[in-house]
Amino acid sequence: MDEELLLDKNQVIDSLSQLPDKVSSEELIERILFIKFIQQRLLETKHVSHAQVMQELNELKQQKLAESAKQNG
């Protein structure tokens, strides 16, 4: 069984502090999952190129922007 990735509390707090004062629980969960994704990918960089990680982050960003536009549109 894979060991669970533990997040740094201060890093999570810093990231959450960048959000607006009022956010949905979904936005909070997404932010925490995004931090977890970044941490996992950083641990995997031994096997994955920097360019690939950046491409995945860009794809995630584009997906998020599309979802946001769909909700607001």
PDB file of N, CA and C in Angstrom:
ATOM      1  N   MET A   1       0.839  -1.179   0.000  1.00  0.00           N
ATOM      2  CA  MET A   1       0.000   0.000   0.000  1.00  0.00           C
ATOM      3  C   MET A   1       0.887   1.247   0.000  1.00  0.00           C
ATOM      4  N   ASP A   2       0.511   2.251  -0.811  1.00  0.00           N
ATOM      5  CA  ASP A   2       1.278   3.495  -0.894  1.00  0.00           C
ATOM      6  C   ASP A   2       1.126   4.287   0.389  1.00  0.00           C
ATOM      7  N   GLU A   3       2.208   4.932   0.786  1.00  0.00           N
ATOM      8  CA  GLU A   3       2.163   5.785   1.964  1.00  0.00           C
ATOM      9  C   GLU A   3       1.442   7.083   1.618  1.00  0.00           C
ATOM     10  N   GLU A   4       0.594   7.535   2.531  1.00  0.00           N
ATOM     11  CA  GLU A   4      -0.168   8.763   2.300  1.00  0.00           C
ATOM     12  C   GLU A   4       0.767   9.966   2.300  1.00  0.00           C
ATOM     13  N   LEU A   5       0.549  10.857   1.356  1.00  0.00           N
ATOM     14  CA  LEU A   5       1.322  12.090   1.269  1.00  0.00           C
ATOM     15  C   LEU A   5       0.804  13.067   2.307  1.00  0.00           C
ATOM     16  N   LEU A   6       1.703  13.540   3.174  1.00  0.00           N
ATOM     17  CA  LEU A   6       1.322  14.510   4.188  1.00  0.00           C
ATOM     18  C   LEU A   6       1.682  15.906   3.703  1.00  0.00           C
ATOM     19  N   LEU A   7       0.759  16.846   3.878  1.00  0.00           N
ATOM     20  CA  LEU A   7       0.968  18.214   3.439  1.00  0.00           C
ATOM     21  C   LEU A   7       1.480  19.060   4.599  1.00  0.00           C
ATOM     22  N   ASP A   8       2.238  20.073   4.275  1.00  0.00           N
ATOM     23  CA  ASP A   8       2.727  21.008   5.273  1.00  0.00           C
ATOM     24  C   ASP A   8       1.599  21.979   5.624  1.00  0.00           C
ATOM     25  N   LYS A   9       1.234  22.045   6.891  1.00  0.00           N
ATOM     26  CA  LYS A   9       0.121  22.880   7.335  1.00  0.00           C
ATOM     27  C   LYS A   9       0.326  24.347   6.964  1.00  0.00           C
ATOM     28  N   ASN A  10       1.532  24.858   7.148  1.00  0.00           N
ATOM     29  CA  ASN A  10       1.800  26.261   6.840  1.00  0.00           C
ATOM     30  C   ASN A  10       1.637  26.545   5.352  1.00  0.00           C
ATOM     31  N   GLN A  11       2.033  25.600   4.524  1.00  0.00           N
ATOM     32  CA  GLN A  11       1.876  25.769   3.080  1.00  0.00           C
ATOM     33  C   GLN A  11       0.393  25.814   2.712  1.00  0.00           C
ATOM     34  N   VAL A  12      -0.401  24.956   3.325  1.00  0.00           N
ATOM     35  CA  VAL A  12      -1.843  24.946   3.063  1.00  0.00           C
ATOM     36  C   VAL A  12      -2.469  26.261   3.529  1.00  0.00           C
ATOM     37  N   ILE A  13      -2.103  26.708   4.723  1.00  0.00           N
ATOM     38  CA  ILE A  13      -2.643  27.961   5.251  1.00  0.00           C
ATOM     39  C   ILE A  13      -2.260  29.132   4.353  1.00  0.00           C
ATOM     40  N   ASP A  14      -1.008  29.176   3.915  1.00  0.00           N
ATOM     41  CA  ASP A  14      -0.576  30.247   3.017  1.00  0.00           C
ATOM     42  C   ASP A  14      -1.391  30.246   1.723  1.00  0.00           C
ATOM     43  N   SER A  15      -1.621  29.068   1.186  1.00  0.00           N
ATOM     44  CA  SER A  15      -2.379  28.967  -0.054  1.00  0.00           C
ATOM     45  C   SER A  15      -3.831  29.376   0.158  1.00  0.00           C
ATOM     46  N   LEU A  16      -4.429  28.936   1.251  1.00  0.00           N
ATOM     47  CA  LEU A  16      -5.818  29.283   1.525  1.00  0.00           C
ATOM     48  C   LEU A  16      -5.986  30.770   1.810  1.00  0.00           C
ATOM     49  N   SER A  17      -4.960  31.389   2.363  1.00  0.00           N
ATOM     50  CA  SER A  17      -5.048  32.819   2.664  1.00  0.00           C
ATOM     51  C   SER A  17      -5.106  33.665   1.395  1.00  0.00           C
ATOM     52  N   GLN A  18      -4.755  33.093   0.257  1.00  0.00           N
ATOM     53  CA  GLN A  18      -4.812  33.817  -1.012  1.00  0.00           C
ATOM     54  C   GLN A  18      -6.221  33.816  -1.608  1.00  0.00           C
ATOM     55  N   LEU A  19      -7.100  33.001  -1.047  1.00  0.00           N
ATOM     56  CA  LEU A  19      -8.483  32.947  -1.517  1.00  0.00           C
ATOM     57  C   LEU A  19      -9.271  34.126  -0.965  1.00  0.00           C
ATOM     58  N   PRO A  20     -10.400  34.450  -1.600  1.00  0.00           N
ATOM     59  CA  PRO A  20     -11.268  35.504  -1.055  1.00  0.00           C
ATOM     60  C   PRO A  20     -11.754  35.122   0.348  1.00  0.00           C
ATOM     61  N   ASP A  21     -12.270  36.096   1.072  1.00  0.00           N
ATOM     62  CA  ASP A  21     -12.741  35.840   2.436  1.00  0.00           C
ATOM     63  C   ASP A  21     -13.880  34.826   2.481  1.00  0.00           C
ATOM     64  N   LYS A  22     -14.718  34.828   1.461  1.00  0.00           N
ATOM     65  CA  LYS A  22     -15.837  33.884   1.408  1.00  0.00           C
ATOM     66  C   LYS A  22     -15.669  32.998   0.174  1.00  0.00           C
ATOM     67  N   VAL A  23     -15.536  31.698   0.429  1.00  0.00           N
ATOM     68  CA  VAL A  23     -15.393  30.730  -0.659  1.00  0.00           C
ATOM     69  C   VAL A  23     -16.253  29.509  -0.349  1.00  0.00           C
ATOM     70  N   SER A  24     -16.552  28.776  -1.392  1.00  0.00           N
ATOM     71  CA  SER A  24     -17.339  27.556  -1.200  1.00  0.00           C
ATOM     72  C   SER A  24     -16.444  26.438  -0.676  1.00  0.00           C
ATOM     73  N   SER A  25     -17.079  25.456  -0.077  1.00  0.00           N
ATOM     74  CA  SER A  25     -16.317  24.298   0.404  1.00  0.00           C
ATOM     75  C   SER A  25     -15.652  23.584  -0.769  1.00  0.00           C
ATOM     76  N   GLU A  26     -16.298  23.614  -1.927  1.00  0.00           N
ATOM     77  CA  GLU A  26     -15.720  22.989  -3.121  1.00  0.00           C
ATOM     78  C   GLU A  26     -14.403  23.671  -3.503  1.00  0.00           C
ATOM     79  N   GLU A  27     -14.377  24.998  -3.432  1.00  0.00           N
ATOM     80  CA  GLU A  27     -13.149  25.731  -3.751  1.00  0.00           C
ATOM     81  C   GLU A  27     -12.033  25.404  -2.764  1.00  0.00           C
ATOM     82  N   LEU A  28     -12.386  25.277  -1.489  1.00  0.00           N
ATOM     83  CA  LEU A  28     -11.393  24.912  -0.479  1.00  0.00           C
ATOM     84  C   LEU A  28     -10.813  23.530  -0.742  1.00  0.00           C
ATOM     85  N   ILE A  29     -11.691  22.584  -1.028  1.00  0.00           N
ATOM     86  CA  ILE A  29     -11.251  21.218  -1.311  1.00  0.00           C
ATOM     87  C   ILE A  29     -10.389  21.187  -2.552  1.00  0.00           C
ATOM     88  N   GLU A  30     -10.799  21.905  -3.600  1.00  0.00           N
ATOM     89  CA  GLU A  30     -10.015  21.943  -4.835  1.00  0.00           C
ATOM     90  C   GLU A  30      -8.626  22.518  -4.588  1.00  0.00           C
ATOM     91  N   ARG A  31      -8.533  23.549  -3.770  1.00  0.00           N
ATOM     92  CA  ARG A  31      -7.235  24.166  -3.467  1.00  0.00           C
ATOM     93  C   ARG A  31      -6.326  23.165  -2.754  1.00  0.00           C
ATOM     94  N   ILE A  32      -6.883  22.457  -1.771  1.00  0.00           N
ATOM     95  CA  ILE A  32      -6.092  21.474  -1.033  1.00  0.00           C
ATOM     96  C   ILE A  32      -5.665  20.329  -1.944  1.00  0.00           C
ATOM     97  N   LEU A  33      -6.575  19.877  -2.800  1.00  0.00           N
ATOM     98  CA  LEU A  33      -6.219  18.808  -3.738  1.00  0.00           C
ATOM     99  C   LEU A  33      -5.156  19.271  -4.734  1.00  0.00           C
ATOM    100  N   PHE A  34      -5.212  20.544  -5.115  1.00  0.00           N
ATOM    101  CA  PHE A  34      -4.210  21.092  -6.019  1.00  0.00           C
ATOM    102  C   PHE A  34      -2.836  21.092  -5.344  1.00  0.00           C
ATOM    103  N   ILE A  35      -2.792  21.484  -4.081  1.00  0.00           N
ATOM    104  CA  ILE A  35      -1.527  21.465  -3.336  1.00  0.00           C
ATOM    105  C   ILE A  35      -1.003  20.031  -3.265  1.00  0.00           C
ATOM    106  N   LYS A  36      -1.891  19.103  -3.004  1.00  0.00           N
ATOM    107  CA  LYS A  36      -1.492  17.687  -2.941  1.00  0.00           C
ATOM    108  C   LYS A  36      -0.946  17.231  -4.291  1.00  0.00           C
ATOM    109  N   PHE A  37      -1.616  17.620  -5.372  1.00  0.00           N
ATOM    110  CA  PHE A  37      -1.162  17.262  -6.716  1.00  0.00           C
ATOM    111  C   PHE A  37       0.256  17.774  -6.963  1.00  0.00           C
ATOM    112  N   ILE A  38       0.490  19.029  -6.605  1.00  0.00           N
ATOM    113  CA  ILE A  38       1.816  19.633  -6.794  1.00  0.00           C
ATOM    114  C   ILE A  38       2.865  18.858  -6.005  1.00  0.00           C
ATOM    115  N   GLN A  39       2.557  18.555  -4.750  1.00  0.00           N
ATOM    116  CA  GLN A  39       3.505  17.831  -3.914  1.00  0.00           C
ATOM    117  C   GLN A  39       3.805  16.443  -4.482  1.00  0.00           C
ATOM    118  N   GLN A  40       2.775  15.760  -4.948  1.00  0.00           N
ATOM    119  CA  GLN A  40       2.977  14.441  -5.540  1.00  0.00           C
ATOM    120  C   GLN A  40       3.869  14.528  -6.773  1.00  0.00           C
ATOM    121  N   ARG A  41       3.588  15.506  -7.610  1.00  0.00           N
ATOM    122  CA  ARG A  41       4.372  15.647  -8.845  1.00  0.00           C
ATOM    123  C   ARG A  41       5.820  16.019  -8.521  1.00  0.00           C
ATOM    124  N   LEU A  42       6.022  16.839  -7.503  1.00  0.00           N
ATOM    125  CA  LEU A  42       7.387  17.184  -7.117  1.00  0.00           C
ATOM    126  C   LEU A  42       8.149  15.955  -6.654  1.00  0.00           C
ATOM    127  N   LEU A  43       7.464  15.078  -5.929  1.00  0.00           N
ATOM    128  CA  LEU A  43       8.105  13.841  -5.483  1.00  0.00           C
ATOM    129  C   LEU A  43       8.427  12.921  -6.661  1.00  0.00           C
ATOM    130  N   GLU A  44       7.628  13.012  -7.702  1.00  0.00           N
ATOM    131  CA  GLU A  44       7.812  12.160  -8.868  1.00  0.00           C
ATOM    132  C   GLU A  44       8.792  12.742  -9.883  1.00  0.00           C
ATOM    133  N   THR A  45       9.303  13.934  -9.640  1.00  0.00           N
ATOM    134  CA  THR A  45      10.157  14.581 -10.635  1.00  0.00           C
ATOM    135  C   THR A  45      11.427  13.790 -10.929  1.00  0.00           C
ATOM    136  N   LYS A  46      11.729  12.848 -10.083  1.00  0.00           N
ATOM    137  CA  LYS A  46      12.867  11.976 -10.370  1.00  0.00           C
ATOM    138  C   LYS A  46      12.607  11.178 -11.653  1.00  0.00           C
ATOM    139  N   HIS A  47      11.309  10.954 -11.924  1.00  0.00           N
ATOM    140  CA  HIS A  47      10.925  10.130 -13.067  1.00  0.00           C
ATOM    141  C   HIS A  47      10.195  10.914 -14.150  1.00  0.00           C
ATOM    142  N   VAL A  48       9.825  12.145 -13.853  1.00  0.00           N
ATOM    143  CA  VAL A  48       9.052  12.966 -14.786  1.00  0.00           C
ATOM    144  C   VAL A  48       9.815  14.264 -15.031  1.00  0.00           C
ATOM    145  N   SER A  49       9.883  14.669 -16.273  1.00  0.00           N
ATOM    146  CA  SER A  49      10.622  15.894 -16.598  1.00  0.00           C
ATOM    147  C   SER A  49       9.878  17.137 -16.113  1.00  0.00           C
ATOM    148  N   HIS A  50      10.633  18.176 -15.903  1.00  0.00           N
ATOM    149  CA  HIS A  50      10.067  19.463 -15.494  1.00  0.00           C
ATOM    150  C   HIS A  50       9.063  19.941 -16.539  1.00  0.00           C
ATOM    151  N   ALA A  51       9.402  19.783 -17.796  1.00  0.00           N
ATOM    152  CA  ALA A  51       8.517  20.223 -18.880  1.00  0.00           C
ATOM    153  C   ALA A  51       7.174  19.496 -18.818  1.00  0.00           C
ATOM    154  N   GLN A  52       7.207  18.213 -18.513  1.00  0.00           N
ATOM    155  CA  GLN A  52       5.965  17.453 -18.432  1.00  0.00           C
ATOM    156  C   GLN A  52       5.109  17.929 -17.260  1.00  0.00           C
ATOM    157  N   VAL A  53       5.738  18.188 -16.121  1.00  0.00           N
ATOM    158  CA  VAL A  53       4.998  18.692 -14.964  1.00  0.00           C
ATOM    159  C   VAL A  53       4.368  20.039 -15.300  1.00  0.00           C
ATOM    160  N   MET A  54       5.132  20.930 -15.948  1.00  0.00           N
ATOM    161  CA  MET A  54       4.604  22.243 -16.313  1.00  0.00           C
ATOM    162  C   MET A  54       3.447  22.107 -17.299  1.00  0.00           C
ATOM    163  N   GLN A  55       3.549  21.166 -18.234  1.00  0.00           N
ATOM    164  CA  GLN A  55       2.472  20.941 -19.192  1.00  0.00           C
ATOM    165  C   GLN A  55       1.208  20.474 -18.467  1.00  0.00           C
ATOM    166  N   GLU A  56       1.371  19.566 -17.508  1.00  0.00           N
ATOM    167  CA  GLU A  56       0.220  19.084 -16.758  1.00  0.00           C
ATOM    168  C   GLU A  56      -0.421  20.208 -15.949  1.00  0.00           C
ATOM    169  N   LEU A  57       0.406  21.060 -15.352  1.00  0.00           N
ATOM    170  CA  LEU A  57      -0.135  22.195 -14.598  1.00  0.00           C
ATOM    171  C   LEU A  57      -0.888  23.147 -15.514  1.00  0.00           C
ATOM    172  N   ASN A  58      -0.351  23.387 -16.703  1.00  0.00           N
ATOM    173  CA  ASN A  58      -1.025  24.254 -17.665  1.00  0.00           C
ATOM    174  C   ASN A  58      -2.360  23.647 -18.099  1.00  0.00           C
ATOM    175  N   GLU A  59      -2.384  22.333 -18.323  1.00  0.00           N
ATOM    176  CA  GLU A  59      -3.626  21.668 -18.700  1.00  0.00           C
ATOM    177  C   GLU A  59      -4.661  21.769 -17.575  1.00  0.00           C
ATOM    178  N   LEU A  60      -4.196  21.613 -16.331  1.00  0.00           N
ATOM    179  CA  LEU A  60      -5.089  21.763 -15.186  1.00  0.00           C
ATOM    180  C   LEU A  60      -5.656  23.174 -15.121  1.00  0.00           C
ATOM    181  N   LYS A  61      -4.808  24.161 -15.355  1.00  0.00           N
ATOM    182  CA  LYS A  61      -5.232  25.557 -15.340  1.00  0.00           C
ATOM    183  C   LYS A  61      -6.278  25.803 -16.426  1.00  0.00           C
ATOM    184  N   GLN A  62      -6.020  25.310 -17.633  1.00  0.00           N
ATOM    185  CA  GLN A  62      -6.963  25.490 -18.736  1.00  0.00           C
ATOM    186  C   GLN A  62      -8.304  24.819 -18.431  1.00  0.00           C
ATOM    187  N   GLN A  63      -8.243  23.633 -17.834  1.00  0.00           N
ATOM    188  CA  GLN A  63      -9.461  22.925 -17.469  1.00  0.00           C
ATOM    189  C   GLN A  63     -10.253  23.732 -16.448  1.00  0.00           C
ATOM    190  N   LYS A  64      -9.558  24.281 -15.470  1.00  0.00           N
ATOM    191  CA  LYS A  64     -10.209  25.077 -14.432  1.00  0.00           C
ATOM    192  C   LYS A  64     -10.832  26.344 -15.024  1.00  0.00           C
ATOM    193  N   LEU A  65     -10.115  26.999 -15.926  1.00  0.00           N
ATOM    194  CA  LEU A  65     -10.646  28.188 -16.573  1.00  0.00           C
ATOM    195  C   LEU A  65     -11.890  27.866 -17.392  1.00  0.00           C
ATOM    196  N   ALA A  66     -11.869  26.733 -18.088  1.00  0.00           N
ATOM    197  CA  ALA A  66     -13.023  26.318 -18.886  1.00  0.00           C
ATOM    198  C   ALA A  66     -14.221  26.028 -17.989  1.00  0.00           C
ATOM    199  N   GLU A  67     -13.976  25.368 -16.854  1.00  0.00           N
ATOM    200  CA  GLU A  67     -15.059  25.075 -15.922  1.00  0.00           C
ATOM    201  C   GLU A  67     -15.639  26.376 -15.363  1.00  0.00           C
ATOM    202  N   SER A  68     -14.768  27.305 -15.035  1.00  0.00           N
ATOM    203  CA  SER A  68     -15.204  28.590 -14.488  1.00  0.00           C
ATOM    204  C   SER A  68     -16.029  29.355 -15.523  1.00  0.00           C
ATOM    205  N   ALA A  69     -15.589  29.372 -16.770  1.00  0.00           N
ATOM    206  CA  ALA A  69     -16.309  30.067 -17.834  1.00  0.00           C
ATOM    207  C   ALA A  69     -17.673  29.417 -18.061  1.00  0.00           C
ATOM    208  N   LYS A  70     -17.719  28.106 -17.963  1.00  0.00           N
ATOM    209  CA  LYS A  70     -18.978  27.380 -18.168  1.00  0.00           C
ATOM    210  C   LYS A  70     -19.976  27.727 -17.063  1.00  0.00           C
ATOM    211  N   GLN A  71     -19.474  27.838 -15.813  1.00  0.00           N
ATOM    212  CA  GLN A  71     -20.340  28.167 -14.692  1.00  0.00           C
ATOM    213  C   GLN A  71     -20.830  29.603 -14.761  1.00  0.00           C
ATOM    214  N   ASN A  72     -19.970  30.491 -15.261  1.00  0.00           N
ATOM    215  CA  ASN A  72     -20.336  31.912 -15.338  1.00  0.00           C
ATOM    216  C   ASN A  72     -21.054  32.265 -16.629  1.00  0.00           C
ATOM    217  N   GLY A  73     -21.006  31.368 -17.594  1.00  0.00           N
ATOM    218  CA  GLY A  73     -21.545  31.674 -18.923  1.00  0.00           C
ATOM    219  C   GLY A  73     -22.931  31.303 -19.065  1.00  0.00           C
TER     220      GLY A  73
END
